[in-house]
Amino acid sequence: MKVYKKEVRKITVNEVLFLYVVDEQAYDIFFRIYSNAFKSTFVVFVVPWEDTRDILLYEPKQISKLVQYAINQGWDFHQKNNQMKFDNATSIIRVLMAE
């Protein structure tokens, strides 16, 4: 039986502190990026396990790009209870990796 892990880390993007959790589930990996001000404000990127072979999941530069992408898509991390989810975010991550 595989043991799945969940790691909590901190990252600063444009001088703003965010917390992010990489939650490895049975079929998918969830990236939850939380506003440091509100724990109820977060964005989730879902990536299937089979798509992770060529993606740099834990690289801070990649997480920073995901935060910036979510903000550009309308995620307001200053607002309480503001949540956004990107299912099957593999294509988003691959485009961001190419930049």
C-alpha atoms as a PDB file:
ATOM      1  CA  MET A   1       0.000   0.000   0.000  1.00  0.00           C
ATOM      2  CA  LYS A   2       1.388   3.365  -1.012  1.00  0.00           C
ATOM      3  CA  VAL A   3       1.756   6.029   1.639  1.00  0.00           C
ATOM      4  CA  TYR A   4       0.562   9.416   0.440  1.00  0.00           C
ATOM      5  CA  LYS A   5       1.983  12.578   1.866  1.00  0.00           C
ATOM      6  CA  LYS A   6       0.895  16.123   2.443  1.00  0.00           C
ATOM      7  CA  GLU A   7       3.484  18.858   2.817  1.00  0.00           C
ATOM      8  CA  VAL A   8       2.895  22.459   3.907  1.00  0.00           C
ATOM      9  CA  ARG A   9       5.369  25.069   2.701  1.00  0.00           C
ATOM     10  CA  LYS A  10       5.650  28.847   2.514  1.00  0.00           C
ATOM     11  CA  ILE A  11       6.418  30.951  -0.536  1.00  0.00           C
ATOM     12  CA  THR A  12       6.668  34.690  -1.121  1.00  0.00           C
ATOM     13  CA  VAL A  13       5.365  36.042  -4.419  1.00  0.00           C
ATOM     14  CA  ASN A  14       5.684  39.778  -5.116  1.00  0.00           C
ATOM     15  CA  GLU A  15       6.497  40.333  -1.439  1.00  0.00           C
ATOM     16  CA  VAL A  16       3.251  38.615  -0.330  1.00  0.00           C
ATOM     17  CA  LEU A  17       3.411  35.456   1.782  1.00  0.00           C
ATOM     18  CA  PHE A  18       1.401  32.409   0.695  1.00  0.00           C
ATOM     19  CA  LEU A  19       1.141  28.907   2.134  1.00  0.00           C
ATOM     20  CA  TYR A  20       0.885  25.947  -0.175  1.00  0.00           C
ATOM     21  CA  VAL A  21       0.081  22.315   0.379  1.00  0.00           C
ATOM     22  CA  VAL A  22       1.022  19.532  -1.982  1.00  0.00           C
ATOM     23  CA  ASP A  23      -1.498  16.803  -1.233  1.00  0.00           C
ATOM     24  CA  GLU A  24      -0.709  13.493  -2.912  1.00  0.00           C
ATOM     25  CA  GLN A  25      -3.896  11.444  -3.185  1.00  0.00           C
ATOM     26  CA  ALA A  26      -4.466   8.031  -4.752  1.00  0.00           C
ATOM     27  CA  TYR A  27      -5.223   9.276  -8.295  1.00  0.00           C
ATOM     28  CA  ASP A  28      -4.455  12.997  -8.259  1.00  0.00           C
ATOM     29  CA  ILE A  29      -2.094  15.528  -6.757  1.00  0.00           C
ATOM     30  CA  PHE A  30      -3.719  18.639  -5.320  1.00  0.00           C
ATOM     31  CA  PHE A  31      -1.858  21.935  -5.032  1.00  0.00           C
ATOM     32  CA  ARG A  32      -3.672  24.170  -2.575  1.00  0.00           C
ATOM     33  CA  ILE A  33      -2.319  27.688  -2.338  1.00  0.00           C
ATOM     34  CA  TYR A  34      -3.641  29.664   0.623  1.00  0.00           C
ATOM     35  CA  SER A  35      -3.650  33.345   1.338  1.00  0.00           C
ATOM     36  CA  ASN A  36      -1.603  33.971   4.464  1.00  0.00           C
ATOM     37  CA  ALA A  37      -4.330  36.329   5.722  1.00  0.00           C
ATOM     38  CA  PHE A  38      -7.317  33.959   5.357  1.00  0.00           C
ATOM     39  CA  LYS A  39      -7.204  30.180   5.575  1.00  0.00           C
ATOM     40  CA  SER A  40     -10.599  30.071   3.835  1.00  0.00           C
ATOM     41  CA  THR A  41      -9.149  31.771   0.745  1.00  0.00           C
ATOM     42  CA  PHE A  42      -7.349  29.348  -1.536  1.00  0.00           C
ATOM     43  CA  VAL A  43      -6.862  28.114  -5.066  1.00  0.00           C
ATOM     44  CA  VAL A  44      -6.577  24.436  -6.028  1.00  0.00           C
ATOM     45  CA  PHE A  45      -4.732  22.953  -8.997  1.00  0.00           C
ATOM     46  CA  VAL A  46      -5.483  19.272  -9.658  1.00  0.00           C
ATOM     47  CA  VAL A  47      -2.955  17.169 -11.598  1.00  0.00           C
ATOM     48  CA  PRO A  48      -3.469  13.457 -12.364  1.00  0.00           C
ATOM     49  CA  TRP A  49      -0.609  11.190 -11.280  1.00  0.00           C
ATOM     50  CA  GLU A  50      -0.047   9.905 -14.820  1.00  0.00           C
ATOM     51  CA  ASP A  51       0.793  13.446 -15.989  1.00  0.00           C
ATOM     52  CA  THR A  52       3.496  14.121 -13.400  1.00  0.00           C
ATOM     53  CA  ARG A  53       6.455  12.357 -15.015  1.00  0.00           C
ATOM     54  CA  ASP A  54       7.635  15.415 -16.945  1.00  0.00           C
ATOM     55  CA  ILE A  55       6.335  18.155 -14.634  1.00  0.00           C
ATOM     56  CA  LEU A  56       8.454  19.766 -11.942  1.00  0.00           C
ATOM     57  CA  LEU A  57       5.881  19.711  -9.166  1.00  0.00           C
ATOM     58  CA  TYR A  58       7.826  20.894  -6.149  1.00  0.00           C
ATOM     59  CA  GLU A  59       9.936  23.605  -7.757  1.00  0.00           C
ATOM     60  CA  PRO A  60       9.326  26.987  -6.026  1.00  0.00           C
ATOM     61  CA  LYS A  61       9.531  28.837  -9.336  1.00  0.00           C
ATOM     62  CA  GLN A  62       6.660  26.700 -10.658  1.00  0.00           C
ATOM     63  CA  ILE A  63       4.528  27.340  -7.556  1.00  0.00           C
ATOM     64  CA  SER A  64       5.213  31.058  -7.920  1.00  0.00           C
ATOM     65  CA  LYS A  65       3.969  30.914 -11.516  1.00  0.00           C
ATOM     66  CA  LEU A  66       0.820  29.078 -10.384  1.00  0.00           C
ATOM     67  CA  VAL A  67       0.111  31.808  -7.816  1.00  0.00           C
ATOM     68  CA  GLN A  68       0.597  34.495 -10.455  1.00  0.00           C
ATOM     69  CA  TYR A  69      -1.623  32.586 -12.911  1.00  0.00           C
ATOM     70  CA  ALA A  70      -4.443  32.290 -10.366  1.00  0.00           C
ATOM     71  CA  ILE A  71      -4.238  36.011  -9.570  1.00  0.00           C
ATOM     72  CA  ASN A  72      -4.349  36.833 -13.297  1.00  0.00           C
ATOM     73  CA  GLN A  73      -7.436  34.614 -13.625  1.00  0.00           C
ATOM     74  CA  GLY A  74      -9.274  36.639 -10.970  1.00  0.00           C
ATOM     75  CA  TRP A  75      -8.369  35.015  -7.661  1.00  0.00           C
ATOM     76  CA  ASP A  76      -8.458  37.759  -5.026  1.00  0.00           C
ATOM     77  CA  PHE A  77      -6.336  36.532  -2.133  1.00  0.00           C
ATOM     78  CA  HIS A  78      -7.272  39.616  -0.073  1.00  0.00           C
ATOM     79  CA  GLN A  79     -10.962  38.608   0.034  1.00  0.00           C
ATOM     80  CA  LYS A  80     -12.215  36.163   2.653  1.00  0.00           C
ATOM     81  CA  ASN A  81     -13.741  32.848   1.437  1.00  0.00           C
ATOM     82  CA  ASN A  82     -12.547  33.383  -2.135  1.00  0.00           C
ATOM     83  CA  GLN A  83     -11.888  29.982  -3.693  1.00  0.00           C
ATOM     84  CA  MET A  84     -10.945  28.865  -7.184  1.00  0.00           C
ATOM     85  CA  LYS A  85     -10.277  25.416  -8.634  1.00  0.00           C
ATOM     86  CA  PHE A  86      -8.501  24.281 -11.802  1.00  0.00           C
ATOM     87  CA  ASP A  87      -9.296  20.645 -12.629  1.00  0.00           C
ATOM     88  CA  ASN A  88      -6.771  18.785 -14.769  1.00  0.00           C
ATOM     89  CA  ALA A  89      -4.254  21.625 -14.556  1.00  0.00           C
ATOM     90  CA  THR A  90      -1.602  19.715 -16.483  1.00  0.00           C
ATOM     91  CA  SER A  91      -1.916  21.876 -19.597  1.00  0.00           C
ATOM     92  CA  ILE A  92      -1.727  25.063 -17.518  1.00  0.00           C
ATOM     93  CA  ILE A  93       1.427  23.863 -15.796  1.00  0.00           C
ATOM     94  CA  ARG A  94       3.071  22.809 -19.047  1.00  0.00           C
ATOM     95  CA  VAL A  95       2.430  26.234 -20.597  1.00  0.00           C
ATOM     96  CA  LEU A  96       3.855  27.939 -17.491  1.00  0.00           C
ATOM     97  CA  MET A  97       6.911  25.670 -17.569  1.00  0.00           C
ATOM     98  CA  ALA A  98       7.612  26.698 -21.165  1.00  0.00           C
ATOM     99  CA  GLU A  99       7.734  30.406 -20.233  1.00  0.00           C
END
